Amino acid sequence: MTTRTGPQTYPGASQAYRYQARFGGSAMEVNVVALHTTEGRSLPDYGGGASAPTLTAVPDCKARKLKWYQHFDIDTSARALLNLAGGVETNTNNVCQVEKVGTCDPGTRTKWVKAGLVQDVDFIFWPDAPEWALAEVAEFLAWMNAKHGVPLSGPSSWPAYPSSYGATKARMSFAEWNAFRGVCGHMHVPENSHGDPGALDFDRLIHLAKQSAGIPASPPEPNRPKYQPYPGESWFRKKPRSAIVTAMGKRLVAVGCSAYSSGPGPQWTEADRKSYAKWQRKQGHTGSAADGWPGITTWTALKVPYTG
């Protein structure tokens, strides 16, 4: 399908860095939005446009807004996806590509913080993006739904980086990619190995997009917290076997505090305690306050996903 219908420029997007005249691109009819993260803090050059997406969203944290830059028309193929010869079509398969400036890598976040940068002030860590940033992306998705018919739905699995990298269960097969309609991440696109945008709060993003589009959205489950409540230090000292331990371990890996040789898994082990001690030290605790037994302050900061 090569028909181009609907508006081709996003309202308010800067046209100062257009690459279409240089690289052309294929006409198509968009029915997918693929979300990326740039893993940087400013608008990339994209090799003069050779690897540019359709649009780039640059956070202005002080103004609590995203500054949008458009590089190609909505219904013209962009260049930010790997496309192998003889494989499935990626860039030209009806996909609008959006790069969000910031990072999904906990290691990069840690490096930036150690360098004196402040999260949500100097940069955005997209898995914990502030509400205003999600709302800005959601507004774009609502516009894509209204003007180009892109469904406000997508994959259920958005694993955290770096577990999202490579050939994961979240990555689509060729057949799944060809049939897909909706919103996905770079991590879901076949022939690609990138793991961005990591553990984006996709449910919240789509909820906000439906609100912006005026589409009735199912309310969040009542009384279901987003993060796992602190179960108490005595609970951990009993060396429990629980999905909570697995969820905690995955978060520790995601924030760069792993002492695991394998796993993590549901059974509390010495590796869990050593990993948690790394997290406590990362939070500035020392001595007995960094003994690896979770306390409520560090547990709250860890943001372990609710397991039910």
Protein backbone atom coordinates (compact mmCIF):
# COMPACT_ATOMS: atom_id res chain seq x y z
CA MET A 1 0.00 0.00 0.00
CA THR A 2 1.50 3.32 -1.08
CA THR A 3 -1.40 5.74 -0.55
CA ARG A 4 -0.55 8.77 1.59
CA THR A 5 -3.63 10.10 3.39
CA GLY A 6 -4.06 12.45 6.30
CA PRO A 7 -1.78 15.30 7.45
CA GLN A 8 1.91 14.65 6.91
CA THR A 9 3.35 16.97 9.57
CA TYR A 10 2.70 16.85 13.30
CA PRO A 11 1.29 20.19 14.51
CA GLY A 12 3.97 22.26 16.24
CA ALA A 13 6.87 20.05 15.16
CA SER A 14 9.97 21.91 13.96
CA GLN A 15 10.81 21.32 10.31
CA ALA A 16 14.37 22.64 10.75
CA TYR A 17 16.01 19.20 10.42
CA ARG A 18 14.27 17.62 7.44
CA TYR A 19 16.09 14.78 5.66
CA GLN A 20 13.44 13.71 3.17
CA ALA A 21 14.83 15.81 0.30
CA ARG A 22 18.20 14.10 0.74
CA PHE A 23 17.07 10.53 1.31
CA GLY A 24 13.65 10.40 -0.36
CA GLY A 25 11.97 7.43 1.30
CA SER A 26 9.12 5.20 0.19
CA ALA A 27 5.47 6.25 0.24
CA MET A 28 3.31 4.16 2.55
CA GLU A 29 0.18 4.27 4.70
CA VAL A 30 1.24 4.25 8.36
CA ASN A 31 -0.52 1.90 10.76
CA VAL A 32 2.30 1.39 13.31
CA VAL A 33 4.25 3.69 15.62
CA ALA A 34 7.62 2.37 16.85
CA LEU A 35 9.07 4.08 19.94
CA HIS A 36 12.84 4.40 20.48
CA THR A 37 15.16 6.12 22.96
CA THR A 38 18.25 7.94 21.69
CA GLU A 39 20.49 7.05 24.68
CA GLY A 40 21.72 10.64 24.66
CA ARG A 41 20.72 14.03 26.02
CA SER A 42 20.35 16.17 22.91
CA LEU A 43 18.99 16.07 19.37
CA PRO A 44 21.17 13.59 17.43
CA ASP A 45 22.70 14.31 14.04
CA TYR A 46 21.72 10.81 12.84
CA GLY A 47 24.73 10.76 10.53
CA GLY A 48 23.35 13.64 8.55
CA GLY A 49 19.97 11.91 8.42
CA ALA A 50 21.17 8.50 7.25
CA SER A 51 19.71 6.82 10.35
CA ALA A 52 16.98 9.32 11.20
CA PRO A 53 13.50 8.44 12.47
CA THR A 54 10.29 10.16 11.44
CA LEU A 55 10.33 12.44 14.46
CA THR A 56 12.46 13.16 17.52
CA ALA A 57 11.03 14.33 20.84
CA VAL A 58 13.47 16.40 22.93
CA PRO A 59 12.50 17.00 26.58
CA ASP A 60 12.42 20.53 27.97
CA CYS A 61 12.19 19.50 31.62
CA LYS A 62 11.95 23.07 32.92
CA ALA A 63 8.94 23.80 30.71
CA ARG A 64 7.61 20.23 31.18
CA LYS A 65 7.16 19.86 27.43
CA LEU A 66 8.59 17.84 24.55
CA LYS A 67 10.05 19.75 21.61
CA TRP A 68 9.23 17.83 18.45
CA TYR A 69 11.47 17.75 15.35
CA GLN A 70 10.19 16.14 12.16
CA HIS A 71 12.64 14.55 9.72
CA PHE A 72 10.31 12.77 7.27
CA ASP A 73 6.62 13.00 6.38
CA ILE A 74 4.40 10.70 8.43
CA ASP A 75 3.65 8.47 5.42
CA THR A 76 7.23 8.37 4.13
CA SER A 77 9.64 5.67 5.32
CA ALA A 78 12.33 6.76 7.80
CA ARG A 79 15.70 5.12 8.46
CA ALA A 80 16.12 4.26 12.16
CA LEU A 81 15.47 0.50 11.91
CA LEU A 82 17.88 -2.18 10.76
CA ASN A 83 16.63 -3.76 7.53
CA LEU A 84 18.48 -6.84 6.28
CA ALA A 85 18.65 -7.81 2.64
CA GLY A 86 16.25 -10.62 1.84
CA GLY A 87 14.44 -10.34 5.17
CA VAL A 88 11.24 -8.70 6.34
CA GLU A 89 10.65 -5.03 5.53
CA THR A 90 11.11 -2.82 8.58
CA ASN A 91 11.53 0.88 7.73
CA THR A 92 9.12 0.65 4.79
CA ASN A 93 6.48 -1.51 6.48
CA ASN A 94 4.02 1.28 7.30
CA VAL A 95 5.80 2.41 10.46
CA CYS A 96 6.22 5.90 11.89
CA GLN A 97 9.38 5.97 14.02
CA VAL A 98 9.72 8.21 17.09
CA GLU A 99 13.00 8.73 18.94
CA LYS A 100 12.64 10.05 22.48
CA VAL A 101 15.77 11.82 23.74
CA GLY A 102 16.94 10.23 26.98
CA THR A 103 17.85 6.74 28.14
CA CYS A 104 16.27 3.40 29.02
CA ASP A 105 19.57 1.97 30.32
CA PRO A 106 19.90 1.92 34.15
CA GLY A 107 23.68 1.92 33.71
CA THR A 108 23.54 5.14 31.72
CA ARG A 109 21.25 6.70 34.30
CA THR A 110 23.72 5.80 37.04
CA LYS A 111 26.61 7.26 35.04
CA TRP A 112 24.76 10.51 34.44
CA VAL A 113 23.73 10.83 38.08
CA LYS A 114 27.32 10.23 39.22
CA ALA A 115 28.35 13.01 36.81
CA GLY A 116 26.06 15.38 38.70
CA LEU A 117 23.06 15.32 36.37
CA VAL A 118 19.58 15.24 37.91
CA GLN A 119 16.89 12.89 36.63
CA ASP A 120 13.76 14.69 35.35
CA VAL A 121 15.73 17.95 35.39
CA ASP A 122 18.75 17.29 33.15
CA PHE A 123 17.55 14.08 31.50
CA ILE A 124 14.70 11.58 31.36
CA PHE A 125 15.03 7.91 32.27
CA TRP A 126 12.07 6.73 30.20
CA PRO A 127 11.12 3.63 32.26
CA ASP A 128 10.41 6.08 35.12
CA ALA A 129 9.30 8.97 32.91
CA PRO A 130 7.43 11.78 34.67
CA GLU A 131 3.73 12.04 33.97
CA TRP A 132 4.09 15.16 31.83
CA ALA A 133 6.52 13.38 29.47
CA LEU A 134 4.25 10.36 29.07
CA ALA A 135 1.32 12.73 28.47
CA GLU A 136 3.23 14.48 25.67
CA VAL A 137 3.98 11.18 23.93
CA ALA A 138 0.37 10.11 24.53
CA GLU A 139 -0.90 13.28 22.83
CA PHE A 140 1.13 12.37 19.73
CA LEU A 141 -0.24 8.82 19.76
CA ALA A 142 -3.80 10.19 20.07
CA TRP A 143 -3.14 12.36 17.00
CA MET A 144 -1.79 9.36 15.08
CA ASN A 145 -4.92 7.45 16.02
CA ALA A 146 -7.24 10.25 14.92
CA LYS A 147 -5.42 11.26 11.72
CA HIS A 148 -3.83 7.99 10.59
CA GLY A 149 -5.87 5.28 12.29
CA VAL A 150 -3.00 3.79 14.33
CA PRO A 151 -4.64 1.59 17.02
CA LEU A 152 -3.96 2.59 20.63
CA SER A 153 -2.78 -0.87 21.60
CA GLY A 154 0.40 -2.90 21.41
CA PRO A 155 2.51 -5.70 22.87
CA SER A 156 1.94 -6.70 26.49
CA SER A 157 5.64 -7.35 27.15
CA TRP A 158 8.00 -4.36 27.60
CA PRO A 159 11.01 -5.90 29.38
CA ALA A 160 13.59 -3.74 31.12
CA TYR A 161 16.92 -3.01 29.47
CA PRO A 162 19.34 -4.83 29.13
CA SER A 163 17.15 -7.97 29.25
CA SER A 164 15.18 -6.43 26.35
CA TYR A 165 18.26 -6.57 24.07
CA GLY A 166 18.72 -9.20 21.39
CA ALA A 167 16.57 -12.19 20.48
CA THR A 168 14.02 -12.04 23.29
CA LYS A 169 10.49 -13.41 23.59
CA ALA A 170 9.22 -9.85 23.15
CA ARG A 171 10.68 -9.53 19.63
CA MET A 172 8.17 -10.24 16.87
CA SER A 173 8.53 -12.91 14.23
CA PHE A 174 8.35 -11.84 10.60
CA ALA A 175 4.72 -12.95 10.42
CA GLU A 176 3.81 -11.11 13.62
CA TRP A 177 5.51 -7.93 12.37
CA ASN A 178 3.71 -8.06 9.02
CA ALA A 179 0.36 -8.46 10.79
CA PHE A 180 0.98 -5.94 13.57
CA ARG A 181 -1.03 -2.72 13.88
CA GLY A 182 -0.56 -0.36 16.81
CA VAL A 183 2.26 0.96 19.01
CA CYS A 184 5.44 -1.00 19.70
CA GLY A 185 9.06 -0.44 20.72
CA HIS A 186 12.35 -0.86 18.89
CA MET A 187 12.73 -3.97 21.10
CA HIS A 188 9.79 -5.60 19.30
CA VAL A 189 10.94 -5.14 15.68
CA PRO A 190 12.40 -8.21 13.92
CA GLU A 191 15.91 -8.12 12.40
CA ASN A 192 16.82 -5.56 15.11
CA SER A 193 18.69 -6.30 18.33
CA HIS A 194 18.18 -3.00 20.18
CA GLY A 195 16.35 -3.12 23.53
CA ASP A 196 14.92 0.39 23.68
CA PRO A 197 12.73 1.88 25.05
CA GLY A 198 12.97 -0.71 27.85
CA ALA A 199 10.37 -1.00 30.59
CA LEU A 200 8.23 1.90 29.44
CA ASP A 201 4.96 2.22 31.41
CA PHE A 202 2.99 1.24 28.32
CA ASP A 203 -0.33 0.70 30.10
CA ARG A 204 -0.21 4.22 31.50
CA LEU A 205 0.90 5.66 28.16
CA ILE A 206 -2.03 4.09 26.32
CA HIS A 207 -4.45 5.12 29.07
CA LEU A 208 -3.31 8.75 28.65
CA ALA A 209 -3.48 8.47 24.85
CA LYS A 210 -7.08 7.25 24.99
CA GLN A 211 -7.94 10.09 27.35
CA SER A 212 -6.40 12.58 24.93
CA ALA A 213 -8.28 11.00 22.02
CA GLY A 214 -11.58 11.00 23.91
CA ILE A 215 -11.76 7.21 23.77
CA PRO A 216 -13.32 5.53 26.82
CA ALA A 217 -10.54 3.72 28.61
CA SER A 218 -10.87 1.00 31.19
CA PRO A 219 -10.00 2.42 34.60
CA PRO A 220 -7.07 0.91 36.48
CA GLU A 221 -7.94 -2.07 38.61
CA PRO A 222 -9.29 -0.82 41.95
CA ASN A 223 -6.98 -1.06 44.93
CA ARG A 224 -4.16 -2.48 42.80
CA PRO A 225 -0.93 -0.65 43.64
CA LYS A 226 1.62 0.01 40.93
CA TYR A 227 4.52 -1.08 43.14
CA GLN A 228 4.86 -3.92 45.62
CA PRO A 229 4.21 -2.82 49.23
CA TYR A 230 7.08 -3.41 51.65
CA PRO A 231 6.55 -6.88 53.19
CA GLY A 232 8.76 -6.22 56.23
CA GLU A 233 12.33 -7.18 57.10
CA SER A 234 11.24 -10.24 59.06
CA TRP A 235 9.56 -11.60 55.92
CA PHE A 236 12.89 -11.57 54.09
CA ARG A 237 14.80 -13.09 57.03
CA LYS A 238 12.56 -16.16 56.76
CA LYS A 239 14.15 -16.70 53.32
CA PRO A 240 10.83 -16.82 51.46
CA ARG A 241 10.05 -18.31 48.09
CA SER A 242 7.84 -15.80 46.28
CA ALA A 243 7.23 -13.91 43.04
CA ILE A 244 8.06 -10.80 45.06
CA VAL A 245 11.67 -12.00 45.37
CA THR A 246 11.88 -12.52 41.60
CA ALA A 247 10.42 -9.07 40.91
CA MET A 248 12.85 -7.51 43.38
CA GLY A 249 15.79 -9.32 41.79
CA LYS A 250 14.84 -8.15 38.32
CA ARG A 251 14.70 -4.56 39.55
CA LEU A 252 18.12 -4.94 41.19
CA VAL A 253 19.53 -6.18 37.88
CA ALA A 254 17.83 -3.29 36.06
CA VAL A 255 19.43 -0.68 38.35
CA GLY A 256 22.89 -2.22 38.05
CA CYS A 257 23.06 -3.90 41.46
CA SER A 258 23.37 -7.57 40.55
CA ALA A 259 25.43 -10.08 42.48
CA TYR A 260 23.69 -12.97 40.71
CA SER A 261 25.60 -15.67 38.89
CA SER A 262 22.24 -16.93 37.60
CA GLY A 263 18.66 -15.86 37.98
CA PRO A 264 17.19 -14.05 39.84
CA GLY A 265 14.49 -16.46 40.92
CA PRO A 266 11.71 -16.78 43.50
CA GLN A 267 13.82 -18.30 46.31
CA TRP A 268 15.55 -15.77 48.57
CA THR A 269 19.29 -16.55 48.57
CA GLU A 270 22.57 -14.99 49.62
CA ALA A 271 22.83 -13.57 46.09
CA ASP A 272 19.63 -11.62 46.72
CA ARG A 273 21.03 -10.23 49.97
CA LYS A 274 24.34 -9.25 48.35
CA SER A 275 22.51 -7.64 45.43
CA TYR A 276 20.28 -5.67 47.79
CA ALA A 277 23.33 -4.56 49.76
CA LYS A 278 24.70 -3.08 46.54
CA TRP A 279 21.41 -1.17 46.14
CA GLN A 280 21.62 0.10 49.72
CA ARG A 281 25.17 1.35 49.14
CA LYS A 282 24.05 2.95 45.90
CA GLN A 283 21.45 4.81 47.94
CA GLY A 284 24.21 6.14 50.19
CA HIS A 285 23.91 3.70 53.11
CA THR A 286 26.92 2.19 54.85
CA GLY A 287 27.70 -0.24 57.66
CA SER A 288 24.72 -2.06 59.17
CA ALA A 289 22.37 0.05 57.04
CA ALA A 290 23.81 -1.73 53.99
CA ASP A 291 23.58 -5.32 55.25
CA GLY A 292 21.36 -6.52 52.41
CA TRP A 293 18.16 -6.90 54.41
CA PRO A 294 15.54 -4.65 52.76
CA GLY A 295 14.25 -1.66 54.69
CA ILE A 296 11.21 0.39 53.82
CA THR A 297 13.12 3.45 52.52
CA THR A 298 15.31 1.59 50.03
CA TRP A 299 12.43 -0.73 49.12
CA THR A 300 10.21 2.22 48.23
CA ALA A 301 13.02 3.75 46.14
CA LEU A 302 13.56 0.46 44.27
CA LYS A 303 9.98 0.51 42.86
CA VAL A 304 9.43 -3.24 42.68
CA PRO A 305 6.46 -3.93 40.35
CA TYR A 306 3.32 -5.22 42.05
CA THR A 307 3.02 -9.00 41.74
CA GLY A 308 -0.47 -9.50 43.19
